[in-house]
Amino acid sequence: SIPHFHAYYQSHSISMDFDGNILSGTFPKRQLKLLYAWVELHKEELQANWDLLSKGNGFFKINPLQ
C-alpha cells in the first residue's frame, strides 16, 4: 500500500497520504485545514514512521498542532 496515516477527530476518521490526498473518510472543514498544515510540518516524521513500520518496528509519536 502507499504511505499513509490515519487521523481521528470525535466521530470522524480519515486516511491520507503524505501529500495531503484523502484516501478515505471525512473530516470537518476546519479540522481538515489544520490537518493539512500538520502534514506539511511533519512530512519527514511521517515518512520515518512509515519506514519503521514497514520493517516491522514500532513507531514514534508525532506531536499535534499546538
N, C-alpha and C. Protein backbone atom coordinates (compact mmCIF):
# COMPACT_ATOMS: atom_id res chain seq x y z
N SER A 1 0.85 -1.20 0.00
CA SER A 1 0.00 0.00 0.00
C SER A 1 0.88 1.25 0.00
N ILE A 2 0.28 2.34 -0.38
CA ILE A 2 1.05 3.59 -0.43
C ILE A 2 1.22 4.15 0.99
N PRO A 3 2.30 4.90 1.23
CA PRO A 3 2.49 5.50 2.55
C PRO A 3 1.30 6.41 2.91
N HIS A 4 0.76 6.20 4.09
CA HIS A 4 -0.40 6.98 4.53
C HIS A 4 -0.47 6.95 6.06
N PHE A 5 -1.38 7.75 6.59
CA PHE A 5 -1.62 7.75 8.03
C PHE A 5 -3.12 7.88 8.27
N HIS A 6 -3.50 7.64 9.50
CA HIS A 6 -4.89 7.74 9.91
C HIS A 6 -4.99 8.83 10.98
N ALA A 7 -6.04 9.63 10.90
CA ALA A 7 -6.28 10.67 11.90
C ALA A 7 -7.73 10.56 12.36
N TYR A 8 -7.95 10.96 13.61
CA TYR A 8 -9.27 10.85 14.21
C TYR A 8 -9.64 12.16 14.89
N TYR A 9 -10.90 12.53 14.75
CA TYR A 9 -11.43 13.71 15.43
C TYR A 9 -12.88 13.42 15.77
N GLN A 10 -13.19 13.36 17.05
CA GLN A 10 -14.53 13.00 17.52
C GLN A 10 -14.98 11.73 16.81
N SER A 11 -16.10 11.76 16.10
CA SER A 11 -16.60 10.55 15.42
C SER A 11 -16.07 10.43 14.00
N HIS A 12 -15.17 11.31 13.59
CA HIS A 12 -14.63 11.31 12.22
C HIS A 12 -13.29 10.59 12.17
N SER A 13 -13.04 9.93 11.06
CA SER A 13 -11.72 9.35 10.82
C SER A 13 -11.38 9.55 9.35
N ILE A 14 -10.09 9.65 9.09
CA ILE A 14 -9.62 9.92 7.74
C ILE A 14 -8.30 9.20 7.52
N SER A 15 -8.08 8.79 6.30
CA SER A 15 -6.81 8.21 5.87
C SER A 15 -6.26 9.12 4.78
N MET A 16 -4.99 9.49 4.89
CA MET A 16 -4.42 10.49 3.99
C MET A 16 -2.99 10.12 3.66
N ASP A 17 -2.59 10.38 2.40
CA ASP A 17 -1.19 10.16 2.06
C ASP A 17 -0.36 11.35 2.53
N PHE A 18 0.94 11.26 2.36
CA PHE A 18 1.82 12.29 2.90
C PHE A 18 1.81 13.58 2.08
N ASP A 19 1.12 13.57 0.95
CA ASP A 19 0.96 14.80 0.15
C ASP A 19 -0.38 15.48 0.43
N GLY A 20 -1.16 14.93 1.37
CA GLY A 20 -2.43 15.54 1.74
C GLY A 20 -3.61 15.08 0.92
N ASN A 21 -3.45 14.03 0.14
CA ASN A 21 -4.57 13.48 -0.62
C ASN A 21 -5.38 12.55 0.27
N ILE A 22 -6.69 12.75 0.32
CA ILE A 22 -7.57 11.93 1.15
C ILE A 22 -7.79 10.59 0.45
N LEU A 23 -7.50 9.52 1.16
CA LEU A 23 -7.68 8.17 0.63
C LEU A 23 -9.04 7.61 1.02
N SER A 24 -9.49 7.94 2.23
CA SER A 24 -10.82 7.52 2.68
C SER A 24 -11.21 8.35 3.89
N GLY A 25 -12.51 8.42 4.14
CA GLY A 25 -13.03 9.11 5.30
C GLY A 25 -13.27 10.59 5.07
N THR A 26 -13.74 11.24 6.12
CA THR A 26 -14.04 12.67 6.08
C THR A 26 -13.66 13.32 7.40
N PHE A 27 -13.43 14.61 7.33
CA PHE A 27 -13.14 15.44 8.50
C PHE A 27 -13.93 16.73 8.35
N PRO A 28 -14.30 17.35 9.47
CA PRO A 28 -14.92 18.68 9.37
C PRO A 28 -13.95 19.65 8.69
N LYS A 29 -14.49 20.63 7.99
CA LYS A 29 -13.69 21.55 7.17
C LYS A 29 -12.56 22.21 7.98
N ARG A 30 -12.86 22.74 9.15
CA ARG A 30 -11.85 23.43 9.96
C ARG A 30 -10.72 22.48 10.36
N GLN A 31 -11.09 21.28 10.82
CA GLN A 31 -10.08 20.32 11.26
C GLN A 31 -9.28 19.80 10.07
N LEU A 32 -9.90 19.72 8.90
CA LEU A 32 -9.17 19.29 7.71
C LEU A 32 -8.09 20.30 7.35
N LYS A 33 -8.39 21.58 7.45
CA LYS A 33 -7.38 22.62 7.18
C LYS A 33 -6.22 22.49 8.16
N LEU A 34 -6.51 22.24 9.42
CA LEU A 34 -5.46 22.05 10.42
C LEU A 34 -4.64 20.80 10.13
N LEU A 35 -5.30 19.76 9.68
CA LEU A 35 -4.60 18.52 9.35
C LEU A 35 -3.65 18.73 8.18
N TYR A 36 -4.07 19.48 7.16
CA TYR A 36 -3.19 19.78 6.03
C TYR A 36 -1.93 20.51 6.52
N ALA A 37 -2.10 21.47 7.42
CA ALA A 37 -0.95 22.21 7.98
C ALA A 37 -0.04 21.26 8.75
N TRP A 38 -0.63 20.35 9.53
CA TRP A 38 0.14 19.40 10.32
C TRP A 38 0.96 18.49 9.41
N VAL A 39 0.36 18.02 8.31
CA VAL A 39 1.07 17.15 7.36
C VAL A 39 2.29 17.87 6.80
N GLU A 40 2.13 19.12 6.42
CA GLU A 40 3.26 19.89 5.87
C GLU A 40 4.39 20.00 6.88
N LEU A 41 4.05 20.21 8.14
CA LEU A 41 5.06 20.37 9.19
C LEU A 41 5.77 19.05 9.53
N HIS A 42 5.10 17.93 9.33
CA HIS A 42 5.62 16.65 9.83
C HIS A 42 5.85 15.61 8.75
N LYS A 43 5.98 16.04 7.50
CA LYS A 43 6.15 15.10 6.39
C LYS A 43 7.34 14.15 6.60
N GLU A 44 8.47 14.67 7.05
CA GLU A 44 9.66 13.83 7.25
C GLU A 44 9.44 12.81 8.37
N GLU A 45 8.77 13.24 9.44
CA GLU A 45 8.47 12.32 10.54
C GLU A 45 7.49 11.23 10.10
N LEU A 46 6.50 11.61 9.30
CA LEU A 46 5.55 10.62 8.78
C LEU A 46 6.28 9.57 7.96
N GLN A 47 7.19 10.01 7.10
CA GLN A 47 7.95 9.07 6.27
C GLN A 47 8.83 8.17 7.13
N ALA A 48 9.47 8.74 8.15
CA ALA A 48 10.32 7.95 9.04
C ALA A 48 9.49 6.89 9.76
N ASN A 49 8.30 7.26 10.23
CA ASN A 49 7.42 6.29 10.88
C ASN A 49 7.01 5.20 9.91
N TRP A 50 6.68 5.58 8.68
CA TRP A 50 6.28 4.60 7.67
C TRP A 50 7.41 3.60 7.43
N ASP A 51 8.63 4.12 7.34
CA ASP A 51 9.79 3.25 7.12
C ASP A 51 9.97 2.27 8.29
N LEU A 52 9.82 2.76 9.51
CA LEU A 52 9.93 1.89 10.68
C LEU A 52 8.85 0.81 10.67
N LEU A 53 7.62 1.22 10.44
CA LEU A 53 6.51 0.27 10.46
C LEU A 53 6.62 -0.75 9.33
N SER A 54 7.12 -0.32 8.19
CA SER A 54 7.28 -1.23 7.04
C SER A 54 8.29 -2.33 7.32
N LYS A 55 9.22 -2.05 8.24
CA LYS A 55 10.24 -3.03 8.61
C LYS A 55 9.84 -3.85 9.84
N GLY A 56 8.59 -3.65 10.29
CA GLY A 56 8.10 -4.41 11.44
C GLY A 56 8.50 -3.83 12.77
N ASN A 57 9.01 -2.61 12.77
CA ASN A 57 9.39 -1.95 14.01
C ASN A 57 8.23 -1.10 14.51
N GLY A 58 8.37 -0.57 15.70
CA GLY A 58 7.36 0.32 16.26
C GLY A 58 7.39 1.66 15.58
N PHE A 59 6.67 2.59 16.12
CA PHE A 59 6.65 3.94 15.58
C PHE A 59 6.80 4.91 16.74
N PHE A 60 7.07 6.17 16.42
CA PHE A 60 7.15 7.19 17.47
C PHE A 60 6.00 8.17 17.30
N LYS A 61 5.63 8.77 18.42
CA LYS A 61 4.51 9.71 18.42
C LYS A 61 4.94 11.02 17.77
N ILE A 62 4.08 11.57 16.93
CA ILE A 62 4.32 12.86 16.31
C ILE A 62 3.43 13.87 17.01
N ASN A 63 4.02 14.97 17.42
CA ASN A 63 3.27 15.97 18.19
C ASN A 63 2.11 16.57 17.39
N PRO A 64 1.01 16.84 18.07
CA PRO A 64 -0.13 17.51 17.43
C PRO A 64 0.19 19.00 17.21
N LEU A 65 -0.67 19.67 16.47
CA LEU A 65 -0.53 21.13 16.35
C LEU A 65 -0.76 21.75 17.71
N GLN A 66 0.02 22.76 18.02
CA GLN A 66 -0.11 23.44 19.32
C GLN A 66 -0.99 24.66 19.20
